[in-house]
Amino acid sequence: MNTSFKRPYKPVDLNTSLTQGFPLPSLAEKLMTEATSNTSGRSSLTLARGDELTVVLTVLKTGHALGEHPAPAAAVFTCLDGNITFTTHAEEVTLERGEAVVFTDDVVHSVCANEDSVFLIVIGGATAKHP
């Protein structure tokens, strides 16, 4: 598997027939290096995109956050490393390595890294129409 990437990165096209592997730990390490120099404390890489699915690898440095936002479709948020607080208007969930949360597109949420963290977001392709 290729362990490097260059910006701009072209995600794998999921609208064609294929099988593709990703070396997530080494990609996350490179993203963490980027995040260290970003004032936002984060970096991400869209690994694959298609009509039905988008896969995004994201790193977030300790104390940094992704502000409130809705997802474009139902999604699964999986913590691969670190400790993250996933907050919605209804609840707050702390996720550690190997833990995940699933949510629908109408759930406004935020994410805060309690320590340097790596997470994978898998977003469904069918986007709901919000008023």
Protein backbone atom coordinates (compact mmCIF):
# COMPACT_ATOMS: atom_id res chain seq x y z
CA MET A 1 0.00 0.00 0.00
CA ASN A 2 1.13 3.49 -0.80
CA THR A 3 1.89 5.32 2.47
CA SER A 4 2.38 8.78 1.02
CA PHE A 5 0.18 11.45 -0.41
CA LYS A 6 0.67 14.85 -1.97
CA ARG A 7 -1.64 17.84 -1.86
CA PRO A 8 -3.92 18.26 -3.70
CA TYR A 9 -4.94 14.67 -3.05
CA LYS A 10 -7.41 13.02 -5.39
CA PRO A 11 -9.79 10.72 -3.48
CA VAL A 12 -10.46 7.24 -4.76
CA ASP A 13 -13.54 7.28 -7.04
CA LEU A 14 -16.12 4.92 -5.56
CA ASN A 15 -18.30 5.16 -8.65
CA THR A 16 -16.03 2.68 -10.44
CA SER A 17 -15.42 -1.00 -9.67
CA LEU A 18 -12.37 -1.34 -7.43
CA THR A 19 -10.81 -2.54 -4.21
CA GLN A 20 -8.49 -0.09 -2.46
CA GLY A 21 -6.58 -0.37 0.82
CA PHE A 22 -5.34 2.52 2.96
CA PRO A 23 -2.45 2.51 5.48
CA LEU A 24 -4.43 4.51 8.06
CA PRO A 25 -1.71 4.74 10.79
CA SER A 26 0.94 6.14 8.45
CA LEU A 27 -1.54 8.51 6.75
CA ALA A 28 -2.68 9.71 10.20
CA GLU A 29 0.93 10.32 11.21
CA LYS A 30 1.46 12.54 8.16
CA LEU A 31 -1.81 14.38 8.85
CA MET A 32 -0.78 14.93 12.50
CA THR A 33 2.41 16.59 11.24
CA GLU A 34 0.26 18.92 9.10
CA ALA A 35 -2.10 19.61 12.00
CA THR A 36 0.80 20.66 14.20
CA SER A 37 1.58 23.54 11.83
CA ASN A 38 -2.08 24.49 11.20
CA THR A 39 -3.57 27.10 13.52
CA SER A 40 -6.81 25.08 13.46
CA GLY A 41 -4.99 22.11 14.99
CA ARG A 42 -6.54 19.76 12.48
CA SER A 43 -5.94 18.15 9.14
CA SER A 44 -7.98 15.77 7.04
CA LEU A 45 -7.83 13.72 3.89
CA THR A 46 -10.84 12.54 1.89
CA LEU A 47 -9.77 9.01 1.08
CA ALA A 48 -12.68 7.98 -1.11
CA ARG A 49 -15.77 9.60 -2.57
CA GLY A 50 -18.71 8.34 -4.56
CA ASP A 51 -22.43 8.85 -5.02
CA GLU A 52 -23.21 6.54 -2.11
CA LEU A 53 -20.32 7.07 0.30
CA THR A 54 -17.52 9.42 1.40
CA VAL A 55 -14.64 8.36 3.67
CA VAL A 56 -12.58 11.01 5.48
CA LEU A 57 -9.56 10.51 7.75
CA THR A 58 -9.13 13.41 10.19
CA VAL A 59 -6.70 14.30 12.96
CA LEU A 60 -7.31 16.85 15.70
CA LYS A 61 -4.69 18.13 18.14
CA THR A 62 -5.38 18.30 21.90
CA GLY A 63 -7.76 21.10 22.84
CA HIS A 64 -8.82 21.86 19.28
CA ALA A 65 -12.37 21.42 18.04
CA LEU A 66 -14.65 21.22 15.05
CA GLY A 67 -17.47 23.68 15.76
CA GLU A 68 -21.14 22.84 15.50
CA HIS A 69 -22.22 21.61 12.09
CA PRO A 70 -24.62 19.12 10.51
CA ALA A 71 -23.41 16.22 8.40
CA PRO A 72 -24.39 16.19 4.72
CA ALA A 73 -25.95 12.73 5.28
CA ALA A 74 -26.09 10.00 7.92
CA ALA A 75 -22.59 9.17 9.14
CA VAL A 76 -20.43 6.95 11.32
CA PHE A 77 -17.70 8.61 13.37
CA THR A 78 -15.02 6.17 14.57
CA CYS A 79 -12.19 7.12 16.93
CA LEU A 80 -9.05 5.33 15.74
CA ASP A 81 -6.73 6.83 18.35
CA GLY A 82 -6.93 9.36 21.16
CA ASN A 83 -9.89 10.66 23.10
CA ILE A 84 -12.65 12.79 21.60
CA THR A 85 -15.82 14.38 22.95
CA PHE A 86 -18.66 14.24 20.41
CA THR A 87 -21.41 16.68 21.42
CA THR A 88 -24.95 17.14 20.12
CA HIS A 89 -27.76 19.29 21.48
CA ALA A 90 -29.10 16.18 23.24
CA GLU A 91 -25.96 14.48 24.58
CA GLU A 92 -22.21 14.35 25.00
CA VAL A 93 -20.30 11.16 24.18
CA THR A 94 -16.62 10.57 24.92
CA LEU A 95 -15.01 8.24 22.41
CA GLU A 96 -11.71 6.41 22.81
CA ARG A 97 -9.80 4.16 20.43
CA GLY A 98 -12.12 1.71 18.70
CA GLU A 99 -15.35 3.39 19.76
CA ALA A 100 -17.86 4.86 17.32
CA VAL A 101 -21.07 6.83 17.13
CA VAL A 102 -23.61 6.84 14.33
CA PHE A 103 -25.88 9.80 13.64
CA THR A 104 -28.33 11.12 11.09
CA ASP A 105 -27.89 14.22 8.96
CA ASP A 106 -30.25 16.30 11.10
CA VAL A 107 -27.99 16.03 14.18
CA VAL A 108 -25.97 19.20 14.67
CA HIS A 109 -22.75 18.17 16.39
CA SER A 110 -19.30 19.33 17.43
CA VAL A 111 -16.08 17.45 18.16
CA CYS A 112 -13.35 18.31 20.67
CA ALA A 113 -10.03 16.50 21.08
CA ASN A 114 -9.18 15.75 24.71
CA GLU A 115 -5.82 14.49 23.44
CA ASP A 116 -4.20 14.19 20.01
CA SER A 117 -6.79 12.13 18.13
CA VAL A 118 -7.40 10.36 14.85
CA PHE A 119 -10.88 9.58 13.55
CA LEU A 120 -12.51 8.16 10.48
CA ILE A 121 -15.78 9.58 9.21
CA VAL A 122 -17.90 7.52 6.83
CA ILE A 123 -20.71 9.60 5.34
CA GLY A 124 -23.64 8.14 3.42
CA GLY A 125 -24.34 9.47 -0.05
CA ALA A 126 -28.04 10.25 0.15
CA THR A 127 -28.34 13.84 1.31
CA ALA A 128 -31.54 14.93 3.00
CA LYS A 129 -33.18 18.18 2.02
CA HIS A 130 -33.33 20.56 4.96
CA PRO A 131 -35.82 23.44 4.98
